[in-house]
Every structure is written in C-alpha cells, then in structure tokens.
Amino acid sequence: MDSTATAKVTYVRIAPRKVQIVLDLIRNQPADKAAAILKHTPKAACEPVAKLLKSAVANAENNNNMDVSRLFIAECSVCPGPTLKRIRPRAQGRAFRINKRSSHITLVLKEAE
C-alpha cells in the first residue's frame, strides 16, 4: 500500500520563482532533514514552506497513521496564483506597473520502505 500525505497552501504572497528555489533544496529529502534545511536557509519563502511541511507531517501522522521517522518529500510544486497589479508613479506623468505575485504551494510526503 503506497499511501501519501498531502498539504497545500494557496494565495501565499510571495513570487513562485522565489518559492521554487527553496523547494529545489528540499525535494526528495527526509522530512526531518528538510525541516532543518528550511530552518537554516535565509530565504523569505522558507517560513511558509516550513509551516506547510509541518502541516503535511501532521496530516501523515494523524490522518494516514504513517511513521513520521520514515517520511520523505516525494513531490513538491509551486503554481502561480493571482497577480495583484499596482501602479507606481514615474516622471512626467507616466506610470509603471508593479506585479505583486502570489503562489499556490503543494507538498506530498511518502513513507520510505
């Protein structure tokens, strides 16, 4: 039986490119090692990803009765969410567009054999 535990967070106010850098660090890592990597990496995306990892581990333990010590990150992905479009005033009456991007992050944990 190949059970998985999933956690998802939507509308995180950080650009998907920045989240992708952090997800590449923890992909295919054991859950406890991934938590340590996230704790000691100085990136803004580490905070929501660490919170998501903690939630996925809790889902695995409580909902799927999986062994927490054998969990590893099987899949992790980020998709772009809606973009807030803002205007920045510039010289001579012009306006520059500022895109405030958001992300949808998904984390899937599996149990190692």
PDB file of N, CA and C in Angstrom:
ATOM      1  N   MET A   1       0.849  -1.183   0.000  1.00  0.00           N
ATOM      2  CA  MET A   1       0.000   0.000   0.000  1.00  0.00           C
ATOM      3  C   MET A   1       0.890   1.241   0.000  1.00  0.00           C
ATOM      4  N   ASP A   2       0.735   2.062  -1.012  1.00  0.00           N
ATOM      5  CA  ASP A   2       1.570   3.253  -1.158  1.00  0.00           C
ATOM      6  C   ASP A   2       0.763   4.481  -0.774  1.00  0.00           C
ATOM      7  N   SER A   3       0.736   4.802   0.520  1.00  0.00           N
ATOM      8  CA  SER A   3      -0.066   5.937   0.977  1.00  0.00           C
ATOM      9  C   SER A   3       0.769   7.210   0.961  1.00  0.00           C
ATOM     10  N   THR A   4       0.088   8.306   0.721  1.00  0.00           N
ATOM     11  CA  THR A   4       0.740   9.605   0.693  1.00  0.00           C
ATOM     12  C   THR A   4      -0.024  10.565   1.580  1.00  0.00           C
ATOM     13  N   ALA A   5       0.681  11.571   2.056  1.00  0.00           N
ATOM     14  CA  ALA A   5       0.068  12.644   2.825  1.00  0.00           C
ATOM     15  C   ALA A   5       0.326  13.952   2.086  1.00  0.00           C
ATOM     16  N   THR A   6      -0.719  14.725   1.897  1.00  0.00           N
ATOM     17  CA  THR A   6      -0.615  15.949   1.110  1.00  0.00           C
ATOM     18  C   THR A   6      -0.992  17.151   1.963  1.00  0.00           C
ATOM     19  N   ALA A   7      -0.309  18.257   1.708  1.00  0.00           N
ATOM     20  CA  ALA A   7      -0.684  19.537   2.301  1.00  0.00           C
ATOM     21  C   ALA A   7      -0.549  20.594   1.217  1.00  0.00           C
ATOM     22  N   LYS A   8      -1.441  21.568   1.253  1.00  0.00           N
ATOM     23  CA  LYS A   8      -1.468  22.592   0.215  1.00  0.00           C
ATOM     24  C   LYS A   8      -1.766  23.940   0.854  1.00  0.00           C
ATOM     25  N   VAL A   9      -1.043  24.951   0.391  1.00  0.00           N
ATOM     26  CA  VAL A   9      -1.334  26.313   0.843  1.00  0.00           C
ATOM     27  C   VAL A   9      -1.532  27.168  -0.404  1.00  0.00           C
ATOM     28  N   THR A  10      -2.548  28.025  -0.366  1.00  0.00           N
ATOM     29  CA  THR A  10      -2.879  28.828  -1.538  1.00  0.00           C
ATOM     30  C   THR A  10      -2.768  30.307  -1.209  1.00  0.00           C
ATOM     31  N   TYR A  11      -2.582  31.092  -2.235  1.00  0.00           N
ATOM     32  CA  TYR A  11      -2.544  32.556  -2.145  1.00  0.00           C
ATOM     33  C   TYR A  11      -1.451  33.074  -1.205  1.00  0.00           C
ATOM     34  N   VAL A  12      -0.282  32.440  -1.230  1.00  0.00           N
ATOM     35  CA  VAL A  12       0.853  32.929  -0.447  1.00  0.00           C
ATOM     36  C   VAL A  12       1.439  34.134  -1.180  1.00  0.00           C
ATOM     37  N   ARG A  13       1.629  35.250  -0.485  1.00  0.00           N
ATOM     38  CA  ARG A  13       2.064  36.475  -1.137  1.00  0.00           C
ATOM     39  C   ARG A  13       3.578  36.508  -1.325  1.00  0.00           C
ATOM     40  N   ILE A  14       4.080  35.578  -2.135  1.00  0.00           N
ATOM     41  CA  ILE A  14       5.491  35.549  -2.496  1.00  0.00           C
ATOM     42  C   ILE A  14       5.566  34.982  -3.915  1.00  0.00           C
ATOM     43  N   ALA A  15       6.515  35.476  -4.706  1.00  0.00           N
ATOM     44  CA  ALA A  15       6.602  35.084  -6.111  1.00  0.00           C
ATOM     45  C   ALA A  15       6.954  33.603  -6.245  1.00  0.00           C
ATOM     46  N   PRO A  16       6.362  32.918  -7.221  1.00  0.00           N
ATOM     47  CA  PRO A  16       6.642  31.484  -7.401  1.00  0.00           C
ATOM     48  C   PRO A  16       8.109  31.182  -7.683  1.00  0.00           C
ATOM     49  N   ARG A  17       8.818  32.078  -8.367  1.00  0.00           N
ATOM     50  CA  ARG A  17      10.242  31.846  -8.642  1.00  0.00           C
ATOM     51  C   ARG A  17      11.048  31.750  -7.356  1.00  0.00           C
ATOM     52  N   LYS A  18      10.694  32.562  -6.369  1.00  0.00           N
ATOM     53  CA  LYS A  18      11.413  32.545  -5.094  1.00  0.00           C
ATOM     54  C   LYS A  18      11.096  31.279  -4.297  1.00  0.00           C
ATOM     55  N   VAL A  19       9.854  30.813  -4.388  1.00  0.00           N
ATOM     56  CA  VAL A  19       9.467  29.589  -3.687  1.00  0.00           C
ATOM     57  C   VAL A  19      10.135  28.377  -4.333  1.00  0.00           C
ATOM     58  N   GLN A  20      10.251  28.392  -5.663  1.00  0.00           N
ATOM     59  CA  GLN A  20      10.828  27.260  -6.397  1.00  0.00           C
ATOM     60  C   GLN A  20      12.272  26.988  -5.969  1.00  0.00           C
ATOM     61  N   ILE A  21      13.030  28.047  -5.681  1.00  0.00           N
ATOM     62  CA  ILE A  21      14.418  27.902  -5.222  1.00  0.00           C
ATOM     63  C   ILE A  21      14.464  27.099  -3.926  1.00  0.00           C
ATOM     64  N   VAL A  22      13.547  27.399  -3.010  1.00  0.00           N
ATOM     65  CA  VAL A  22      13.510  26.713  -1.720  1.00  0.00           C
ATOM     66  C   VAL A  22      13.034  25.271  -1.890  1.00  0.00           C
ATOM     67  N   LEU A  23      12.047  25.053  -2.749  1.00  0.00           N
ATOM     68  CA  LEU A  23      11.533  23.693  -2.955  1.00  0.00           C
ATOM     69  C   LEU A  23      12.588  22.785  -3.571  1.00  0.00           C
ATOM     70  N   ASP A  24      13.448  23.342  -4.432  1.00  0.00           N
ATOM     71  CA  ASP A  24      14.526  22.550  -5.030  1.00  0.00           C
ATOM     72  C   ASP A  24      15.512  22.055  -3.971  1.00  0.00           C
ATOM     73  N   LEU A  25      15.656  22.813  -2.869  1.00  0.00           N
ATOM     74  CA  LEU A  25      16.578  22.413  -1.795  1.00  0.00           C
ATOM     75  C   LEU A  25      16.073  21.184  -1.041  1.00  0.00           C
ATOM     76  N   ILE A  26      14.743  21.068  -0.884  1.00  0.00           N
ATOM     77  CA  ILE A  26      14.201  20.022  -0.013  1.00  0.00           C
ATOM     78  C   ILE A  26      13.585  18.854  -0.761  1.00  0.00           C
ATOM     79  N   ARG A  27      13.537  18.900  -2.076  1.00  0.00           N
ATOM     80  CA  ARG A  27      12.925  17.810  -2.856  1.00  0.00           C
ATOM     81  C   ARG A  27      13.677  16.497  -2.622  1.00  0.00           C
ATOM     82  N   ASN A  28      12.939  15.403  -2.403  1.00  0.00           N
ATOM     83  CA  ASN A  28      13.458  14.041  -2.164  1.00  0.00           C
ATOM     84  C   ASN A  28      14.281  13.911  -0.883  1.00  0.00           C
ATOM     85  N   GLN A  29      14.130  14.823   0.045  1.00  0.00           N
ATOM     86  CA  GLN A  29      14.837  14.760   1.334  1.00  0.00           C
ATOM     87  C   GLN A  29      13.916  14.128   2.387  1.00  0.00           C
ATOM     88  N   PRO A  30      14.489  13.503   3.415  1.00  0.00           N
ATOM     89  CA  PRO A  30      13.671  13.073   4.553  1.00  0.00           C
ATOM     90  C   PRO A  30      13.031  14.290   5.226  1.00  0.00           C
ATOM     91  N   ALA A  31      11.881  14.095   5.825  1.00  0.00           N
ATOM     92  CA  ALA A  31      11.110  15.215   6.377  1.00  0.00           C
ATOM     93  C   ALA A  31      11.871  15.955   7.473  1.00  0.00           C
ATOM     94  N   ASP A  32      12.574  15.220   8.353  1.00  0.00           N
ATOM     95  CA  ASP A  32      13.299  15.891   9.442  1.00  0.00           C
ATOM     96  C   ASP A  32      14.490  16.684   8.907  1.00  0.00           C
ATOM     97  N   LYS A  33      15.170  16.151   7.894  1.00  0.00           N
ATOM     98  CA  LYS A  33      16.291  16.879   7.292  1.00  0.00           C
ATOM     99  C   LYS A  33      15.791  18.112   6.542  1.00  0.00           C
ATOM    100  N   ALA A  34      14.647  17.987   5.865  1.00  0.00           N
ATOM    101  CA  ALA A  34      14.057  19.126   5.146  1.00  0.00           C
ATOM    102  C   ALA A  34      13.682  20.241   6.111  1.00  0.00           C
ATOM    103  N   ALA A  35      13.161  19.878   7.277  1.00  0.00           N
ATOM    104  CA  ALA A  35      12.812  20.885   8.284  1.00  0.00           C
ATOM    105  C   ALA A  35      14.059  21.618   8.763  1.00  0.00           C
ATOM    106  N   ALA A  36      15.168  20.891   8.927  1.00  0.00           N
ATOM    107  CA  ALA A  36      16.427  21.517   9.346  1.00  0.00           C
ATOM    108  C   ALA A  36      16.966  22.440   8.258  1.00  0.00           C
ATOM    109  N   ILE A  37      16.871  22.018   7.002  1.00  0.00           N
ATOM    110  CA  ILE A  37      17.323  22.858   5.884  1.00  0.00           C
ATOM    111  C   ILE A  37      16.521  24.156   5.851  1.00  0.00           C
ATOM    112  N   LEU A  38      15.204  24.036   6.002  1.00  0.00           N
ATOM    113  CA  LEU A  38      14.345  25.226   5.958  1.00  0.00           C
ATOM    114  C   LEU A  38      14.625  26.171   7.121  1.00  0.00           C
ATOM    115  N   LYS A  39      14.952  25.602   8.273  1.00  0.00           N
ATOM    116  CA  LYS A  39      15.213  26.437   9.453  1.00  0.00           C
ATOM    117  C   LYS A  39      16.471  27.273   9.286  1.00  0.00           C
ATOM    118  N   HIS A  40      17.469  26.735   8.565  1.00  0.00           N
ATOM    119  CA  HIS A  40      18.762  27.410   8.468  1.00  0.00           C
ATOM    120  C   HIS A  40      19.022  28.051   7.111  1.00  0.00           C
ATOM    121  N   THR A  41      18.007  28.170   6.276  1.00  0.00           N
ATOM    122  CA  THR A  41      18.168  28.827   4.982  1.00  0.00           C
ATOM    123  C   THR A  41      17.587  30.236   5.060  1.00  0.00           C
ATOM    124  N   PRO A  42      18.376  31.260   4.732  1.00  0.00           N
ATOM    125  CA  PRO A  42      17.897  32.642   4.880  1.00  0.00           C
ATOM    126  C   PRO A  42      17.098  33.130   3.669  1.00  0.00           C
ATOM    127  N   LYS A  43      15.978  32.503   3.389  1.00  0.00           N
ATOM    128  CA  LYS A  43      15.101  32.913   2.295  1.00  0.00           C
ATOM    129  C   LYS A  43      13.723  33.209   2.865  1.00  0.00           C
ATOM    130  N   ALA A  44      13.035  34.178   2.260  1.00  0.00           N
ATOM    131  CA  ALA A  44      11.708  34.561   2.742  1.00  0.00           C
ATOM    132  C   ALA A  44      10.698  33.432   2.555  1.00  0.00           C
ATOM    133  N   ALA A  45      10.892  32.603   1.530  1.00  0.00           N
ATOM    134  CA  ALA A  45       9.939  31.527   1.238  1.00  0.00           C
ATOM    135  C   ALA A  45      10.044  30.371   2.225  1.00  0.00           C
ATOM    136  N   CYS A  46      11.097  30.331   3.025  1.00  0.00           N
ATOM    137  CA  CYS A  46      11.286  29.204   3.954  1.00  0.00           C
ATOM    138  C   CYS A  46      10.201  29.150   5.024  1.00  0.00           C
ATOM    139  N   GLU A  47       9.723  30.309   5.463  1.00  0.00           N
ATOM    140  CA  GLU A  47       8.731  30.334   6.535  1.00  0.00           C
ATOM    141  C   GLU A  47       7.417  29.662   6.130  1.00  0.00           C
ATOM    142  N   PRO A  48       6.779  30.050   5.000  1.00  0.00           N
ATOM    143  CA  PRO A  48       5.537  29.343   4.640  1.00  0.00           C
ATOM    144  C   PRO A  48       5.764  27.886   4.243  1.00  0.00           C
ATOM    145  N   VAL A  49       6.924  27.559   3.655  1.00  0.00           N
ATOM    146  CA  VAL A  49       7.191  26.175   3.263  1.00  0.00           C
ATOM    147  C   VAL A  49       7.412  25.306   4.502  1.00  0.00           C
ATOM    148  N   ALA A  50       8.088  25.839   5.513  1.00  0.00           N
ATOM    149  CA  ALA A  50       8.298  25.089   6.761  1.00  0.00           C
ATOM    150  C   ALA A  50       6.965  24.830   7.460  1.00  0.00           C
ATOM    151  N   LYS A  51       6.100  25.837   7.447  1.00  0.00           N
ATOM    152  CA  LYS A  51       4.780  25.680   8.053  1.00  0.00           C
ATOM    153  C   LYS A  51       3.969  24.611   7.313  1.00  0.00           C
ATOM    154  N   LEU A  52       4.106  24.612   5.981  1.00  0.00           N
ATOM    155  CA  LEU A  52       3.414  23.621   5.146  1.00  0.00           C
ATOM    156  C   LEU A  52       3.950  22.217   5.399  1.00  0.00           C
ATOM    157  N   LEU A  53       5.268  22.087   5.546  1.00  0.00           N
ATOM    158  CA  LEU A  53       5.884  20.788   5.831  1.00  0.00           C
ATOM    159  C   LEU A  53       5.394  20.246   7.173  1.00  0.00           C
ATOM    160  N   LYS A  54       5.312  21.122   8.157  1.00  0.00           N
ATOM    161  CA  LYS A  54       4.829  20.722   9.481  1.00  0.00           C
ATOM    162  C   LYS A  54       3.377  20.227   9.392  1.00  0.00           C
ATOM    163  N   SER A  55       2.586  20.901   8.584  1.00  0.00           N
ATOM    164  CA  SER A  55       1.190  20.502   8.382  1.00  0.00           C
ATOM    165  C   SER A  55       1.094  19.153   7.676  1.00  0.00           C
ATOM    166  N   ALA A  56       1.948  18.937   6.659  1.00  0.00           N
ATOM    167  CA  ALA A  56       1.934  17.671   5.927  1.00  0.00           C
ATOM    168  C   ALA A  56       2.348  16.509   6.833  1.00  0.00           C
ATOM    169  N   VAL A  57       3.331  16.735   7.703  1.00  0.00           N
ATOM    170  CA  VAL A  57       3.759  15.693   8.647  1.00  0.00           C
ATOM    171  C   VAL A  57       2.623  15.373   9.624  1.00  0.00           C
ATOM    172  N   ALA A  58       1.927  16.408  10.082  1.00  0.00           N
ATOM    173  CA  ALA A  58       0.785  16.193  10.988  1.00  0.00           C
ATOM    174  C   ALA A  58      -0.333  15.424  10.287  1.00  0.00           C
ATOM    175  N   ASN A  59      -0.580  15.742   9.007  1.00  0.00           N
ATOM    176  CA  ASN A  59      -1.586  15.002   8.231  1.00  0.00           C
ATOM    177  C   ASN A  59      -1.197  13.535   8.100  1.00  0.00           C
ATOM    178  N   ALA A  60       0.083  13.283   7.844  1.00  0.00           N
ATOM    179  CA  ALA A  60       0.555  11.906   7.690  1.00  0.00           C
ATOM    180  C   ALA A  60       0.378  11.121   8.984  1.00  0.00           C
ATOM    181  N   GLU A  61       0.697  11.758  10.086  1.00  0.00           N
ATOM    182  CA  GLU A  61       0.639  11.076  11.383  1.00  0.00           C
ATOM    183  C   GLU A  61      -0.804  10.845  11.831  1.00  0.00           C
ATOM    184  N   ASN A  62      -1.629  11.884  11.747  1.00  0.00           N
ATOM    185  CA  ASN A  62      -2.972  11.808  12.323  1.00  0.00           C
ATOM    186  C   ASN A  62      -4.018  11.212  11.383  1.00  0.00           C
ATOM    187  N   ASN A  63      -3.943  11.530  10.091  1.00  0.00           N
ATOM    188  CA  ASN A  63      -4.979  11.074   9.168  1.00  0.00           C
ATOM    189  C   ASN A  63      -4.639   9.736   8.511  1.00  0.00           C
ATOM    190  N   ASN A  64      -3.344   9.490   8.238  1.00  0.00           N
ATOM    191  CA  ASN A  64      -2.956   8.305   7.487  1.00  0.00           C
ATOM    192  C   ASN A  64      -2.207   7.269   8.324  1.00  0.00           C
ATOM    193  N   ASN A  65      -1.975   7.547   9.609  1.00  0.00           N
ATOM    194  CA  ASN A  65      -1.267   6.626  10.513  1.00  0.00           C
ATOM    195  C   ASN A  65       0.086   6.195   9.949  1.00  0.00           C
ATOM    196  N   MET A  66       0.844   7.151   9.415  1.00  0.00           N
ATOM    197  CA  MET A  66       2.161   6.854   8.856  1.00  0.00           C
ATOM    198  C   MET A  66       3.231   7.092   9.915  1.00  0.00           C
ATOM    199  N   ASP A  67       4.380   6.419   9.738  1.00  0.00           N
ATOM    200  CA  ASP A  67       5.507   6.559  10.653  1.00  0.00           C
ATOM    201  C   ASP A  67       6.271   7.840  10.311  1.00  0.00           C
ATOM    202  N   VAL A  68       6.306   8.785  11.248  1.00  0.00           N
ATOM    203  CA  VAL A  68       6.892  10.113  10.991  1.00  0.00           C
ATOM    204  C   VAL A  68       8.388  10.016  10.704  1.00  0.00           C
ATOM    205  N   SER A  69       9.076   9.062  11.318  1.00  0.00           N
ATOM    206  CA  SER A  69      10.523   8.964  11.142  1.00  0.00           C
ATOM    207  C   SER A  69      10.922   8.470   9.747  1.00  0.00           C
ATOM    208  N   ARG A  70       9.980   7.864   9.010  1.00  0.00           N
ATOM    209  CA  ARG A  70      10.301   7.338   7.674  1.00  0.00           C
ATOM    210  C   ARG A  70       9.743   8.184   6.538  1.00  0.00           C
ATOM    211  N   LEU A  71       9.222   9.361   6.833  1.00  0.00           N
ATOM    212  CA  LEU A  71       8.628  10.203   5.795  1.00  0.00           C
ATOM    213  C   LEU A  71       9.693  10.933   4.987  1.00  0.00           C
ATOM    214  N   PHE A  72       9.441  11.067   3.689  1.00  0.00           N
ATOM    215  CA  PHE A  72      10.294  11.897   2.845  1.00  0.00           C
ATOM    216  C   PHE A  72       9.422  12.671   1.863  1.00  0.00           C
ATOM    217  N   ILE A  73       9.974  13.736   1.315  1.00  0.00           N
ATOM    218  CA  ILE A  73       9.222  14.604   0.419  1.00  0.00           C
ATOM    219  C   ILE A  73       9.250  13.995  -0.980  1.00  0.00           C
ATOM    220  N   ALA A  74       8.132  13.446  -1.406  1.00  0.00           N
ATOM    221  CA  ALA A  74       8.046  12.778  -2.701  1.00  0.00           C
ATOM    222  C   ALA A  74       7.850  13.790  -3.829  1.00  0.00           C
ATOM    223  N   GLU A  75       6.948  14.739  -3.615  1.00  0.00           N
ATOM    224  CA  GLU A  75       6.681  15.770  -4.624  1.00  0.00           C
ATOM    225  C   GLU A  75       6.515  17.105  -3.922  1.00  0.00           C
ATOM    226  N   CYS A  76       7.007  18.145  -4.570  1.00  0.00           N
ATOM    227  CA  CYS A  76       6.718  19.499  -4.099  1.00  0.00           C
ATOM    228  C   CYS A  76       6.678  20.404  -5.321  1.00  0.00           C
ATOM    229  N   SER A  77       5.650  21.212  -5.377  1.00  0.00           N
ATOM    230  CA  SER A  77       5.483  22.056  -6.557  1.00  0.00           C
ATOM    231  C   SER A  77       4.885  23.394  -6.157  1.00  0.00           C
ATOM    232  N   VAL A  78       5.087  24.349  -7.038  1.00  0.00           N
ATOM    233  CA  VAL A  78       4.504  25.679  -6.833  1.00  0.00           C
ATOM    234  C   VAL A  78       3.876  26.124  -8.145  1.00  0.00           C
ATOM    235  N   CYS A  79       2.684  26.683  -8.056  1.00  0.00           N
ATOM    236  CA  CYS A  79       1.980  27.219  -9.219  1.00  0.00           C
ATOM    237  C   CYS A  79       1.708  28.699  -8.958  1.00  0.00           C
ATOM    238  N   PRO A  80       1.718  29.512 -10.007  1.00  0.00           N
ATOM    239  CA  PRO A  80       1.408  30.924  -9.796  1.00  0.00           C
ATOM    240  C   PRO A  80      -0.060  31.126  -9.446  1.00  0.00           C
ATOM    241  N   GLY A  81      -0.294  31.961  -8.462  1.00  0.00           N
ATOM    242  CA  GLY A  81      -1.651  32.347  -8.106  1.00  0.00           C
ATOM    243  C   GLY A  81      -1.999  33.652  -8.801  1.00  0.00           C
ATOM    244  N   PRO A  82      -3.040  34.315  -8.362  1.00  0.00           N
ATOM    245  CA  PRO A  82      -3.401  35.586  -8.987  1.00  0.00           C
ATOM    246  C   PRO A  82      -2.363  36.670  -8.702  1.00  0.00           C
ATOM    247  N   THR A  83      -2.221  37.581  -9.647  1.00  0.00           N
ATOM    248  CA  THR A  83      -1.257  38.670  -9.528  1.00  0.00           C
ATOM    249  C   THR A  83      -1.999  39.962  -9.222  1.00  0.00           C
ATOM    250  N   LEU A  84      -1.582  40.654  -8.167  1.00  0.00           N
ATOM    251  CA  LEU A  84      -2.132  41.974  -7.853  1.00  0.00           C
ATOM    252  C   LEU A  84      -1.380  42.998  -8.685  1.00  0.00           C
ATOM    253  N   LYS A  85      -2.093  43.773  -9.465  1.00  0.00           N
ATOM    254  CA  LYS A  85      -1.447  44.757 -10.341  1.00  0.00           C
ATOM    255  C   LYS A  85      -1.532  46.126  -9.695  1.00  0.00           C
ATOM    256  N   ARG A  86      -0.387  46.748  -9.480  1.00  0.00           N
ATOM    257  CA  ARG A  86      -0.312  48.051  -8.833  1.00  0.00           C
ATOM    258  C   ARG A  86       0.412  49.027  -9.748  1.00  0.00           C
ATOM    259  N   ILE A  87       0.202  50.306  -9.517  1.00  0.00           N
ATOM    260  CA  ILE A  87       0.793  51.357 -10.348  1.00  0.00           C
ATOM    261  C   ILE A  87       1.781  52.162  -9.510  1.00  0.00           C
ATOM    262  N   ARG A  88       2.957  52.417 -10.082  1.00  0.00           N
ATOM    263  CA  ARG A  88       3.986  53.242  -9.451  1.00  0.00           C
ATOM    264  C   ARG A  88       4.123  54.534 -10.267  1.00  0.00           C
ATOM    265  N   PRO A  89       3.878  55.693  -9.662  1.00  0.00           N
ATOM    266  CA  PRO A  89       4.039  56.944 -10.407  1.00  0.00           C
ATOM    267  C   PRO A  89       5.499  57.183 -10.786  1.00  0.00           C
ATOM    268  N   ARG A  90       5.714  57.653 -12.022  1.00  0.00           N
ATOM    269  CA  ARG A  90       7.061  57.941 -12.512  1.00  0.00           C
ATOM    270  C   ARG A  90       7.112  59.368 -13.066  1.00  0.00           C
ATOM    271  N   ALA A  91       8.260  59.714 -13.584  1.00  0.00           N
ATOM    272  CA  ALA A  91       8.480  61.083 -14.042  1.00  0.00           C
ATOM    273  C   ALA A  91       7.571  61.437 -15.225  1.00  0.00           C
ATOM    274  N   GLN A  92       7.226  62.712 -15.332  1.00  0.00           N
ATOM    275  CA  GLN A  92       6.475  63.286 -16.452  1.00  0.00           C
ATOM    276  C   GLN A  92       5.110  62.620 -16.635  1.00  0.00           C
ATOM    277  N   GLY A  93       4.451  62.294 -15.531  1.00  0.00           N
ATOM    278  CA  GLY A  93       3.086  61.782 -15.591  1.00  0.00           C
ATOM    279  C   GLY A  93       2.948  60.346 -16.017  1.00  0.00           C
ATOM    280  N   ARG A  94       4.043  59.650 -16.174  1.00  0.00           N
ATOM    281  CA  ARG A  94       3.962  58.250 -16.573  1.00  0.00           C
ATOM    282  C   ARG A  94       3.659  57.355 -15.369  1.00  0.00           C
ATOM    283  N   ALA A  95       3.280  56.124 -15.642  1.00  0.00           N
ATOM    284  CA  ALA A  95       3.007  55.154 -14.583  1.00  0.00           C
ATOM    285  C   ALA A  95       3.641  53.822 -14.964  1.00  0.00           C
ATOM    286  N   PHE A  96       4.347  53.214 -14.016  1.00  0.00           N
ATOM    287  CA  PHE A  96       4.940  51.901 -14.231  1.00  0.00           C
ATOM    288  C   PHE A  96       4.122  50.858 -13.482  1.00  0.00           C
ATOM    289  N   ARG A  97       3.979  49.691 -14.091  1.00  0.00           N
ATOM    290  CA  ARG A  97       3.219  48.604 -13.491  1.00  0.00           C
ATOM    291  C   ARG A  97       4.093  47.839 -12.515  1.00  0.00           C
ATOM    292  N   ILE A  98       3.539  47.521 -11.351  1.00  0.00           N
ATOM    293  CA  ILE A  98       4.192  46.625 -10.387  1.00  0.00           C
ATOM    294  C   ILE A  98       3.285  45.413 -10.223  1.00  0.00           C
ATOM    295  N   ASN A  99       3.837  44.229 -10.465  1.00  0.00           N
ATOM    296  CA  ASN A  99       3.086  42.981 -10.305  1.00  0.00           C
ATOM    297  C   ASN A  99       3.443  42.355  -8.964  1.00  0.00           C
ATOM    298  N   LYS A 100       2.449  42.234  -8.098  1.00  0.00           N
ATOM    299  CA  LYS A 100       2.658  41.576  -6.809  1.00  0.00           C
ATOM    300  C   LYS A 100       2.118  40.154  -6.948  1.00  0.00           C
ATOM    301  N   ARG A 101       3.043  39.211  -7.116  1.00  0.00           N
ATOM    302  CA  ARG A 101       2.676  37.840  -7.441  1.00  0.00           C
ATOM    303  C   ARG A 101       2.356  37.016  -6.195  1.00  0.00           C
ATOM    304  N   SER A 102       1.539  35.995  -6.384  1.00  0.00           N
ATOM    305  CA  SER A 102       1.220  35.064  -5.302  1.00  0.00           C
ATOM    306  C   SER A 102       1.432  33.631  -5.797  1.00  0.00           C
ATOM    307  N   SER A 103       1.432  32.689  -4.859  1.00  0.00           N
ATOM    308  CA  SER A 103       1.779  31.301  -5.166  1.00  0.00           C
ATOM    309  C   SER A 103       0.796  30.339  -4.518  1.00  0.00           C
ATOM    310  N   HIS A 104       0.639  29.185  -5.155  1.00  0.00           N
ATOM    311  CA  HIS A 104      -0.039  28.033  -4.572  1.00  0.00           C
ATOM    312  C   HIS A 104       1.027  26.933  -4.429  1.00  0.00           C
ATOM    313  N   ILE A 105       1.279  26.477  -3.195  1.00  0.00           N
ATOM    314  CA  ILE A 105       2.347  25.504  -2.944  1.00  0.00           C
ATOM    315  C   ILE A 105       1.721  24.171  -2.513  1.00  0.00           C
ATOM    316  N   THR A 106       2.229  23.071  -3.083  1.00  0.00           N
ATOM    317  CA  THR A 106       1.743  21.728  -2.759  1.00  0.00           C
ATOM    318  C   THR A 106       2.917  20.856  -2.337  1.00  0.00           C
ATOM    319  N   LEU A 107       2.700  20.071  -1.273  1.00  0.00           N
ATOM    320  CA  LEU A 107       3.748  19.197  -0.742  1.00  0.00           C
ATOM    321  C   LEU A 107       3.146  17.801  -0.545  1.00  0.00           C
ATOM    322  N   VAL A 108       3.841  16.770  -1.052  1.00  0.00           N
ATOM    323  CA  VAL A 108       3.375  15.390  -0.914  1.00  0.00           C
ATOM    324  C   VAL A 108       4.457  14.590  -0.199  1.00  0.00           C
ATOM    325  N   LEU A 109       4.077  13.924   0.891  1.00  0.00           N
ATOM    326  CA  LEU A 109       5.005  13.089   1.653  1.00  0.00           C
ATOM    327  C   LEU A 109       4.666  11.614   1.441  1.00  0.00           C
ATOM    328  N   LYS A 110       5.704  10.794   1.355  1.00  0.00           N
ATOM    329  CA  LYS A 110       5.534   9.337   1.276  1.00  0.00           C
ATOM    330  C   LYS A 110       6.389   8.685   2.346  1.00  0.00           C
ATOM    331  N   GLU A 111       6.076   7.429   2.611  1.00  0.00           N
ATOM    332  CA  GLU A 111       6.824   6.662   3.599  1.00  0.00           C
ATOM    333  C   GLU A 111       7.894   5.842   2.895  1.00  0.00           C
ATOM    334  N   ALA A 112       9.136   5.938   3.345  1.00  0.00           N
ATOM    335  CA  ALA A 112      10.222   5.153   2.752  1.00  0.00           C
ATOM    336  C   ALA A 112      10.073   3.697   3.136  1.00  0.00           C
ATOM    337  N   GLU A 113      10.521   2.818   2.224  1.00  0.00           N
ATOM    338  CA  GLU A 113      10.411   1.381   2.501  1.00  0.00           C
ATOM    339  C   GLU A 113      11.456   0.954   3.512  1.00  0.00           C
TER     340      GLU A 113
END
